[in-house]
Amino acid sequence: MTNRIAIWIALLILAALAADSLIWGSQHLVFLGRKFFALLDWMAFWR
């Protein structure tokens, strides 16, 4: 993956999160954040 593609993907994700937060609020983003950190913790176990 080139830097240009990585930057576009990151901008697309940030724009989607911003639009989602503006339209529906940010409470489910907290839920997803907690699940993401649980996934990181689980992945660290396998390292």
C-alpha atoms as a PDB file:
ATOM      1  CA  MET A   1       0.000   0.000   0.000  1.00  0.00           C
ATOM      2  CA  THR A   2       1.402   3.354  -0.937  1.00  0.00           C
ATOM      3  CA  ASN A   3       1.332   6.428   1.280  1.00  0.00           C
ATOM      4  CA  ARG A   4      -1.199   8.094  -1.000  1.00  0.00           C
ATOM      5  CA  ILE A   5      -3.656   5.204  -0.635  1.00  0.00           C
ATOM      6  CA  ALA A   6      -3.151   5.077   3.146  1.00  0.00           C
ATOM      7  CA  ILE A   7      -3.851   8.795   3.463  1.00  0.00           C
ATOM      8  CA  TRP A   8      -7.038   8.508   1.382  1.00  0.00           C
ATOM      9  CA  ILE A   9      -8.270   5.575   3.451  1.00  0.00           C
ATOM     10  CA  ALA A  10      -7.560   7.442   6.688  1.00  0.00           C
ATOM     11  CA  LEU A  11      -9.382  10.545   5.428  1.00  0.00           C
ATOM     12  CA  LEU A  12     -12.326   8.449   4.303  1.00  0.00           C
ATOM     13  CA  ILE A  13     -12.592   6.771   7.705  1.00  0.00           C
ATOM     14  CA  LEU A  14     -12.349  10.098   9.536  1.00  0.00           C
ATOM     15  CA  ALA A  15     -15.007  11.647   7.303  1.00  0.00           C
ATOM     16  CA  ALA A  16     -17.312   8.670   7.885  1.00  0.00           C
ATOM     17  CA  LEU A  17     -16.835   8.904  11.655  1.00  0.00           C
ATOM     18  CA  ALA A  18     -17.462  12.651  11.626  1.00  0.00           C
ATOM     19  CA  ALA A  19     -20.634  12.291   9.561  1.00  0.00           C
ATOM     20  CA  ASP A  20     -21.846   9.441  11.748  1.00  0.00           C
ATOM     21  CA  SER A  21     -21.201  11.464  14.887  1.00  0.00           C
ATOM     22  CA  LEU A  22     -23.023  14.496  13.524  1.00  0.00           C
ATOM     23  CA  ILE A  23     -26.053  12.535  12.371  1.00  0.00           C
ATOM     24  CA  TRP A  24     -26.572   9.960  15.138  1.00  0.00           C
ATOM     25  CA  GLY A  25     -24.426  11.145  18.045  1.00  0.00           C
ATOM     26  CA  SER A  26     -21.326   9.672  19.540  1.00  0.00           C
ATOM     27  CA  GLN A  27     -22.538   7.117  22.104  1.00  0.00           C
ATOM     28  CA  HIS A  28     -22.091   4.119  19.835  1.00  0.00           C
ATOM     29  CA  LEU A  29     -18.584   5.314  18.981  1.00  0.00           C
ATOM     30  CA  VAL A  30     -17.709   4.875  22.661  1.00  0.00           C
ATOM     31  CA  PHE A  31     -19.048   1.306  22.451  1.00  0.00           C
ATOM     32  CA  LEU A  32     -16.983   0.607  19.350  1.00  0.00           C
ATOM     33  CA  GLY A  33     -13.914   2.138  20.983  1.00  0.00           C
ATOM     34  CA  ARG A  34     -14.282  -0.143  23.990  1.00  0.00           C
ATOM     35  CA  LYS A  35     -14.688  -3.185  21.758  1.00  0.00           C
ATOM     36  CA  PHE A  36     -11.631  -2.132  19.751  1.00  0.00           C
ATOM     37  CA  PHE A  37      -9.504  -1.908  22.901  1.00  0.00           C
ATOM     38  CA  ALA A  38     -10.792  -5.324  23.997  1.00  0.00           C
ATOM     39  CA  LEU A  39      -9.738  -6.660  20.591  1.00  0.00           C
ATOM     40  CA  LEU A  40      -6.281  -5.110  21.006  1.00  0.00           C
ATOM     41  CA  ASP A  41      -5.989  -6.697  24.433  1.00  0.00           C
ATOM     42  CA  TRP A  42      -6.987 -10.071  22.996  1.00  0.00           C
ATOM     43  CA  MET A  43      -4.496  -9.707  20.141  1.00  0.00           C
ATOM     44  CA  ALA A  44      -1.724  -8.786  22.592  1.00  0.00           C
ATOM     45  CA  PHE A  45      -2.348 -12.107  24.328  1.00  0.00           C
ATOM     46  CA  TRP A  46      -1.394 -13.958  21.151  1.00  0.00           C
ATOM     47  CA  ARG A  47       1.764 -11.962  20.619  1.00  0.00           C
END
